Amino acid sequence: MEKRIAFTVSNDLVYDQRMIRICSSLQNAGYQCTLIGRKKRNSPVLQTQPFQQKRFRLIFSKGKLFYLELNLRLCIYLLFTRHRAICAIDCDTALAGIFSARVKRLPFIFDAHEIFAHTPEVKDRKWIQKFWLWVEKKAFQYALFSYTVGEELGEHFKSLYGTAIGVVRNAPILKAKIPNTSISEKFILYQGALNAGRGLEHAILAMKRIPIKLKIAGEGDLSQKLRELVKDNGLENKVDFLGFVKPAELPKLTQEAWLGLNVSENRGLSYYLSLNNKLFDYMHANLPSLINPFPEYVTINKQFEIGVITKSSVKDIVTNVNYLLEHDEKYLELRDNCAKAREVFNWGTEERILKNLYKQHLSE
């Protein structure tokens, strides 16, 4: 059988740069990859990729029935298609992957992108959390091998389940060097999901005392609430909502920004132990940023000072943004450090780790 691998996610594939990189790299290494997700009502047309893509139209869009329907659809598809292995990305597609792999006696792989049971949406709902913790335990128990996005997450899972966890950071492909040109319009950029715990409410309120704009690229559960917060505080001229930005257009926008925003609240282990792609996206654009005061980010910032460690509070955001506005020399130093850090933290390095994991465990 050809080296066919199915990868299952719960999103619509289009904006999932991490999975696009992973599937492209493995496809180029000789595997036949299929990335499987869902199609929403407003999902854009899929872009052509070197690997196969499959999306399901679902009746339900959230809640228990959504996860049930998604996993049932995935099971049906996985049971009646030919694959060499099945890789579930996070707990929300793990049950379908485990069941299908065991029925067909295929290797099951687990990509633990986050601690699903400790996300803000789950951690305070005790019975729901217990269910997802059970799914997580089963996923690691049945996985031939598993990997995650940061050392802290890897150590957390290892301490719970006693198994070695690979680490493949979500770093971008290293592209041509970016010249340190002058910025015509200074603005702060947030890119990513507009969900609970991202510190966006604090950032918006901080704009009352910051003399430049905040531009927000993305949508999410808080889209409407954040727009209402801006309107209620008369900040329409200080905060721009850009909506979803196509992946191909996002690097240009990031390079045009003056400062990146990456300041989350400590809403549980999933956030506290995280290492998100924003850190690397800003780094690769030579863009200094306000950075989460969590272990992974602090460690990288000690190695290459690429931003300012900032608590998710109005006071800290105001203080640190205005400090950088008043100290050009420090700001330029951070930009130079970003240029050095991107030579170390990039997909070229992480891709080798990824390919070695699959070669080691899925060799004929």
Protein backbone atom coordinates (compact mmCIF):
# COMPACT_ATOMS: atom_id res chain seq x y z
CA MET A 1 0.00 0.00 0.00
CA GLU A 2 1.18 3.50 -0.77
CA LYS A 3 2.14 5.65 2.20
CA ARG A 4 -1.27 7.34 2.45
CA ILE A 5 -1.92 9.35 5.61
CA ALA A 6 -5.23 10.96 6.60
CA PHE A 7 -5.06 14.09 8.76
CA THR A 8 -8.27 15.15 10.53
CA VAL A 9 -9.11 18.66 11.76
CA SER A 10 -12.30 20.47 12.82
CA ASN A 11 -11.71 23.66 10.81
CA ASP A 12 -12.31 24.48 7.15
CA LEU A 13 -8.64 24.01 6.11
CA VAL A 14 -8.30 27.34 4.29
CA TYR A 15 -6.59 29.34 7.06
CA ASP A 16 -4.78 26.45 8.76
CA GLN A 17 -1.22 27.35 7.80
CA ARG A 18 0.22 24.85 10.26
CA MET A 19 -1.49 21.87 8.64
CA ILE A 20 -0.78 23.16 5.16
CA ARG A 21 2.93 23.23 6.02
CA ILE A 22 2.85 19.78 7.64
CA CYS A 23 0.97 18.09 4.80
CA SER A 24 3.06 19.82 2.12
CA SER A 25 6.32 18.75 3.75
CA LEU A 26 5.24 15.14 4.16
CA GLN A 27 3.83 15.04 0.63
CA ASN A 28 7.21 16.22 -0.65
CA ALA A 29 8.84 13.47 1.44
CA GLY A 30 6.92 10.78 -0.44
CA TYR A 31 3.74 10.37 1.60
CA GLN A 32 0.27 10.70 0.06
CA CYS A 33 -1.48 13.13 2.40
CA THR A 34 -5.18 13.94 2.68
CA LEU A 35 -6.26 16.80 4.96
CA ILE A 36 -9.87 16.41 6.08
CA GLY A 37 -12.03 19.11 7.69
CA ARG A 38 -15.42 20.75 7.40
CA LYS A 39 -17.02 23.28 5.09
CA LYS A 40 -18.86 26.18 6.73
CA ARG A 41 -21.51 28.32 5.08
CA ASN A 42 -19.02 31.13 4.53
CA SER A 43 -15.94 29.00 3.84
CA PRO A 44 -13.80 30.31 0.96
CA VAL A 45 -12.91 28.13 -1.99
CA LEU A 46 -10.02 25.80 -1.24
CA GLN A 47 -6.65 26.79 -2.67
CA THR A 48 -4.77 24.19 -4.69
CA GLN A 49 -2.21 22.36 -2.54
CA PRO A 50 0.31 19.58 -3.27
CA PHE A 51 -1.79 17.24 -1.11
CA GLN A 52 -5.44 16.17 -1.28
CA GLN A 53 -8.16 18.03 0.64
CA LYS A 54 -11.62 16.92 1.73
CA ARG A 55 -14.35 18.92 3.49
CA PHE A 56 -17.71 17.84 4.89
CA ARG A 57 -20.82 19.97 5.04
CA LEU A 58 -22.28 19.50 8.51
CA ILE A 59 -25.76 20.19 9.88
CA PHE A 60 -24.49 21.41 13.25
CA SER A 61 -21.86 24.13 13.69
CA LYS A 62 -21.08 23.97 17.41
CA GLY A 63 -21.72 22.14 20.65
CA LYS A 64 -22.05 18.43 21.43
CA LEU A 65 -24.01 17.62 18.28
CA PHE A 66 -21.33 19.25 16.13
CA TYR A 67 -18.56 17.08 17.61
CA LEU A 68 -20.74 13.98 17.37
CA GLU A 69 -21.65 14.62 13.74
CA LEU A 70 -18.07 15.52 12.79
CA ASN A 71 -16.64 12.34 14.29
CA LEU A 72 -19.35 10.16 12.72
CA ARG A 73 -18.68 11.66 9.29
CA LEU A 74 -14.95 11.21 9.76
CA CYS A 75 -15.46 7.57 10.82
CA ILE A 76 -17.52 6.76 7.74
CA TYR A 77 -14.96 8.39 5.46
CA LEU A 78 -11.91 6.81 7.14
CA LEU A 79 -13.44 3.34 7.26
CA PHE A 80 -14.21 3.30 3.54
CA THR A 81 -11.01 4.86 2.17
CA ARG A 82 -7.52 3.38 1.96
CA HIS A 83 -4.81 4.83 4.20
CA ARG A 84 -1.51 3.69 5.67
CA ALA A 85 -2.05 5.70 8.89
CA ILE A 86 -4.47 8.16 10.51
CA CYS A 87 -3.36 11.32 12.30
CA ALA A 88 -5.86 13.19 14.50
CA ILE A 89 -5.13 16.83 15.23
CA ASP A 90 -6.28 17.53 18.79
CA CYS A 91 -8.95 15.77 20.82
CA ASP A 92 -11.94 16.97 18.84
CA THR A 93 -11.24 14.52 15.99
CA ALA A 94 -9.37 11.88 18.03
CA LEU A 95 -12.28 9.49 18.66
CA ALA A 96 -12.89 9.01 14.95
CA GLY A 97 -9.20 8.47 14.36
CA ILE A 98 -8.77 5.97 17.20
CA PHE A 99 -11.86 3.95 16.27
CA SER A 100 -11.10 3.84 12.54
CA ALA A 101 -7.44 2.99 13.06
CA ARG A 102 -8.24 0.14 15.44
CA VAL A 103 -10.95 -1.32 13.22
CA LYS A 104 -8.64 -1.26 10.19
CA ARG A 105 -5.52 -2.13 12.23
CA LEU A 106 -3.70 0.99 11.11
CA PRO A 107 -1.19 3.13 13.02
CA PHE A 108 -2.83 6.00 14.88
CA ILE A 109 -0.88 9.27 15.28
CA PHE A 110 -1.83 12.07 17.65
CA ASP A 111 -0.94 15.71 17.04
CA ALA A 112 -1.69 17.49 20.34
CA HIS A 113 -1.66 21.08 19.19
CA GLU A 114 -3.06 22.25 22.57
CA ILE A 115 -4.44 20.97 25.88
CA PHE A 116 -8.01 20.80 24.63
CA ALA A 117 -9.52 20.09 28.07
CA HIS A 118 -7.91 23.23 29.50
CA THR A 119 -9.02 25.74 26.88
CA PRO A 120 -11.19 28.60 28.24
CA GLU A 121 -14.27 27.21 26.50
CA VAL A 122 -13.94 23.82 28.26
CA LYS A 123 -12.04 24.07 31.54
CA ASP A 124 -14.87 25.52 33.67
CA ARG A 125 -17.43 22.91 32.54
CA LYS A 126 -16.36 20.01 34.74
CA TRP A 127 -18.19 17.09 33.12
CA ILE A 128 -17.28 18.31 29.64
CA GLN A 129 -13.67 18.68 30.76
CA LYS A 130 -13.63 15.15 32.21
CA PHE A 131 -14.85 13.79 28.90
CA TRP A 132 -12.11 15.53 26.90
CA LEU A 133 -9.46 14.47 29.43
CA TRP A 134 -10.63 10.89 28.87
CA VAL A 135 -10.35 11.35 25.09
CA GLU A 136 -6.85 12.83 25.52
CA LYS A 137 -5.75 9.86 27.64
CA LYS A 138 -7.06 7.39 25.06
CA ALA A 139 -5.37 9.29 22.22
CA PHE A 140 -1.95 9.09 23.85
CA GLN A 141 -2.59 5.49 24.90
CA TYR A 142 -3.32 4.28 21.37
CA ALA A 143 -0.93 6.54 19.45
CA LEU A 144 2.02 4.91 17.72
CA PHE A 145 3.70 8.29 18.22
CA SER A 146 2.62 11.81 19.07
CA TYR A 147 3.91 15.35 18.86
CA THR A 148 3.04 18.88 19.94
CA VAL A 149 4.12 22.48 19.28
CA GLY A 150 6.34 23.33 22.26
CA GLU A 151 8.66 21.91 24.90
CA GLU A 152 6.40 22.89 27.81
CA LEU A 153 3.40 21.11 26.31
CA GLY A 154 5.60 18.10 25.58
CA GLU A 155 6.78 17.91 29.18
CA HIS A 156 3.20 18.27 30.44
CA PHE A 157 1.94 15.35 28.35
CA LYS A 158 4.99 13.23 29.18
CA SER A 159 4.43 13.76 32.91
CA LEU A 160 0.82 12.57 32.57
CA TYR A 161 1.20 9.68 30.17
CA GLY A 162 4.84 8.63 30.52
CA THR A 163 5.57 8.65 26.81
CA ALA A 164 8.03 10.72 24.80
CA ILE A 165 6.36 13.52 22.82
CA GLY A 166 7.94 15.00 19.73
CA VAL A 167 8.09 18.79 19.39
CA VAL A 168 7.45 20.42 16.01
CA ARG A 169 7.12 24.19 16.44
CA ASN A 170 4.65 26.10 14.31
CA ALA A 171 7.25 28.32 12.66
CA PRO A 172 6.90 29.79 9.15
CA ILE A 173 9.02 29.00 6.12
CA LEU A 174 12.12 31.20 6.06
CA LYS A 175 11.82 33.62 3.15
CA ALA A 176 14.01 36.41 1.80
CA LYS A 177 15.37 38.89 4.30
CA ILE A 178 13.12 41.85 5.01
CA PRO A 179 14.80 45.26 4.82
CA ASN A 180 14.42 47.51 7.87
CA THR A 181 12.60 50.27 6.02
CA SER A 182 10.85 53.18 7.68
CA ILE A 183 7.18 52.66 8.55
CA SER A 184 4.78 55.19 6.96
CA GLU A 185 1.87 54.65 9.35
CA LYS A 186 2.50 53.19 12.78
CA PHE A 187 -0.13 50.71 13.88
CA ILE A 188 -0.42 47.75 16.23
CA LEU A 189 -1.49 44.46 14.65
CA TYR A 190 -3.35 41.53 16.18
CA GLN A 191 -3.70 38.47 13.96
CA GLY A 192 -5.59 35.35 14.93
CA ALA A 193 -8.87 34.13 16.35
CA LEU A 194 -11.07 36.58 18.29
CA ASN A 195 -11.71 34.21 21.18
CA ALA A 196 -11.85 34.39 24.95
CA GLY A 197 -8.60 34.94 26.80
CA ARG A 198 -6.65 36.60 23.97
CA GLY A 199 -6.43 39.92 25.83
CA LEU A 200 -8.31 41.78 23.11
CA GLU A 201 -10.69 43.58 25.47
CA HIS A 202 -7.72 45.02 27.37
CA ALA A 203 -5.95 45.98 24.15
CA ILE A 204 -9.01 47.82 22.85
CA LEU A 205 -9.47 49.80 26.07
CA ALA A 206 -5.74 50.59 26.12
CA MET A 207 -6.16 52.44 22.80
CA LYS A 208 -7.72 55.35 24.72
CA ARG A 209 -4.21 56.17 25.93
CA ILE A 210 -2.14 55.14 22.89
CA PRO A 211 -1.70 57.62 20.01
CA ILE A 212 -1.68 55.06 17.14
CA LYS A 213 -4.20 52.59 15.69
CA LEU A 214 -4.91 48.95 16.47
CA LYS A 215 -5.78 46.73 13.50
CA ILE A 216 -7.38 43.35 14.18
CA ALA A 217 -7.12 40.61 11.53
CA GLY A 218 -9.37 37.64 12.22
CA GLU A 219 -12.81 36.62 13.44
CA GLY A 220 -14.11 34.39 16.20
CA ASP A 221 -16.54 33.91 19.06
CA LEU A 222 -16.00 37.48 20.31
CA SER A 223 -16.30 39.24 16.93
CA GLN A 224 -19.57 41.00 17.72
CA LYS A 225 -18.78 41.67 21.37
CA LEU A 226 -15.46 43.34 20.53
CA ARG A 227 -17.05 45.53 17.87
CA GLU A 228 -19.65 46.63 20.43
CA LEU A 229 -16.86 47.39 22.93
CA VAL A 230 -15.17 49.64 20.39
CA LYS A 231 -18.43 51.45 19.64
CA ASP A 232 -19.41 51.83 23.31
CA ASN A 233 -16.05 53.48 24.05
CA GLY A 234 -16.01 55.74 21.01
CA LEU A 235 -12.89 54.10 19.58
CA GLU A 236 -14.06 53.65 15.99
CA ASN A 237 -11.23 55.89 14.77
CA LYS A 238 -8.61 53.96 16.78
CA VAL A 239 -9.52 50.30 16.13
CA ASP A 240 -10.00 48.72 12.68
CA PHE A 241 -11.51 45.26 12.20
CA LEU A 242 -10.08 43.71 9.04
CA GLY A 243 -12.03 40.44 9.20
CA PHE A 244 -10.44 37.28 7.84
CA VAL A 245 -7.27 38.04 5.89
CA LYS A 246 -6.20 35.50 3.28
CA PRO A 247 -3.01 33.64 4.24
CA ALA A 248 -1.27 34.91 1.10
CA GLU A 249 -2.01 38.53 2.09
CA LEU A 250 -1.21 38.28 5.79
CA PRO A 251 2.63 38.46 5.58
CA LYS A 252 2.47 41.79 3.72
CA LEU A 253 0.10 43.24 6.33
CA THR A 254 2.36 42.00 9.14
CA GLN A 255 5.42 43.60 7.55
CA GLU A 256 3.58 46.92 7.31
CA ALA A 257 2.74 46.94 11.04
CA TRP A 258 4.82 48.74 13.67
CA LEU A 259 4.12 46.41 16.61
CA GLY A 260 2.55 42.96 17.04
CA LEU A 261 0.07 42.08 19.79
CA ASN A 262 0.39 38.67 21.45
CA VAL A 263 -0.84 39.17 25.01
CA SER A 264 -3.12 36.44 26.36
CA GLU A 265 -4.69 36.00 29.76
CA ASN A 266 -3.67 33.08 31.93
CA ARG A 267 -6.91 31.13 31.55
CA GLY A 268 -5.60 27.68 32.28
CA LEU A 269 -2.82 25.33 31.27
CA SER A 270 -3.58 25.37 27.55
CA TYR A 271 -2.77 29.08 27.32
CA TYR A 272 -0.05 29.08 29.98
CA LEU A 273 1.96 26.32 28.29
CA SER A 274 1.21 27.42 24.73
CA LEU A 275 3.57 28.52 21.97
CA ASN A 276 1.41 30.12 19.29
CA ASN A 277 2.19 30.87 15.67
CA LYS A 278 1.77 34.64 16.17
CA LEU A 279 5.11 34.82 17.94
CA PHE A 280 6.85 33.37 14.90
CA ASP A 281 4.76 35.25 12.32
CA TYR A 282 5.71 38.56 13.94
CA MET A 283 9.32 37.45 14.27
CA HIS A 284 9.55 36.52 10.59
CA ALA A 285 8.21 39.96 9.60
CA ASN A 286 10.94 41.63 11.72
CA LEU A 287 8.07 42.91 13.83
CA PRO A 288 8.66 43.48 17.56
CA SER A 289 5.70 42.48 19.69
CA LEU A 290 4.13 42.58 23.11
CA ILE A 291 4.63 39.00 24.33
CA ASN A 292 2.80 36.69 26.72
CA PRO A 293 4.49 36.30 30.14
CA PHE A 294 4.31 32.50 29.86
CA PRO A 295 7.24 30.02 29.99
CA GLU A 296 7.76 29.26 26.27
CA TYR A 297 7.63 32.92 25.25
CA VAL A 298 9.88 34.06 28.10
CA THR A 299 12.47 31.44 27.18
CA ILE A 300 12.60 32.51 23.52
CA ASN A 301 12.64 36.19 24.46
CA LYS A 302 15.62 35.57 26.74
CA GLN A 303 17.48 33.93 23.85
CA PHE A 304 16.57 36.65 21.34
CA GLU A 305 14.93 39.77 22.74
CA ILE A 306 12.27 40.19 20.08
CA GLY A 307 9.66 42.06 22.11
CA VAL A 308 8.48 43.19 25.50
CA ILE A 309 7.00 40.72 27.99
CA THR A 310 3.58 42.19 28.82
CA LYS A 311 0.78 41.15 31.14
CA SER A 312 -2.74 41.16 29.75
CA SER A 313 -3.84 44.41 31.40
CA VAL A 314 -4.70 47.86 30.13
CA LYS A 315 -1.95 49.38 32.27
CA ASP A 316 0.84 47.09 31.00
CA ILE A 317 -0.18 47.42 27.35
CA VAL A 318 -0.32 51.23 27.58
CA THR A 319 3.01 51.44 29.41
CA ASN A 320 4.95 49.18 27.05
CA VAL A 321 3.54 50.54 23.78
CA ASN A 322 4.21 54.12 24.80
CA TYR A 323 7.70 53.17 26.00
CA LEU A 324 8.58 51.80 22.55
CA LEU A 325 7.02 54.85 20.86
CA GLU A 326 9.34 57.06 22.90
CA HIS A 327 12.50 54.93 22.53
CA ASP A 328 13.36 54.42 18.86
CA GLU A 329 16.76 52.95 19.64
CA LYS A 330 15.25 50.14 21.71
CA TYR A 331 12.59 49.48 19.09
CA LEU A 332 15.19 49.15 16.31
CA GLU A 333 17.22 46.80 18.49
CA LEU A 334 14.18 44.54 18.81
CA ARG A 335 13.71 44.58 15.03
CA ASP A 336 17.30 43.53 14.50
CA ASN A 337 16.86 40.72 17.01
CA CYS A 338 13.82 39.46 15.09
CA ALA A 339 15.97 39.19 11.97
CA LYS A 340 18.47 37.03 13.89
CA ALA A 341 15.82 34.87 15.59
CA ARG A 342 14.04 33.97 12.35
CA GLU A 343 17.25 32.32 11.14
CA VAL A 344 16.94 29.88 14.06
CA PHE A 345 13.17 29.46 14.43
CA ASN A 346 11.82 28.54 11.00
CA TRP A 347 10.09 25.69 9.18
CA GLY A 348 13.34 24.45 7.66
CA THR A 349 14.43 23.35 11.13
CA GLU A 350 11.04 22.03 12.23
CA GLU A 351 10.43 20.19 8.95
CA ARG A 352 13.48 18.00 9.52
CA ILE A 353 12.13 17.02 12.95
CA LEU A 354 8.71 16.23 11.46
CA LYS A 355 10.10 14.09 8.65
CA ASN A 356 12.36 12.18 11.04
CA LEU A 357 9.39 11.37 13.29
CA TYR A 358 7.40 9.90 10.41
CA LYS A 359 10.40 8.11 8.91
CA GLN A 360 11.30 6.57 12.27
CA HIS A 361 7.80 5.25 13.04
CA LEU A 362 6.24 4.62 9.62
CA SER A 363 9.16 3.04 7.77
CA GLU A 364 8.23 -0.02 5.73
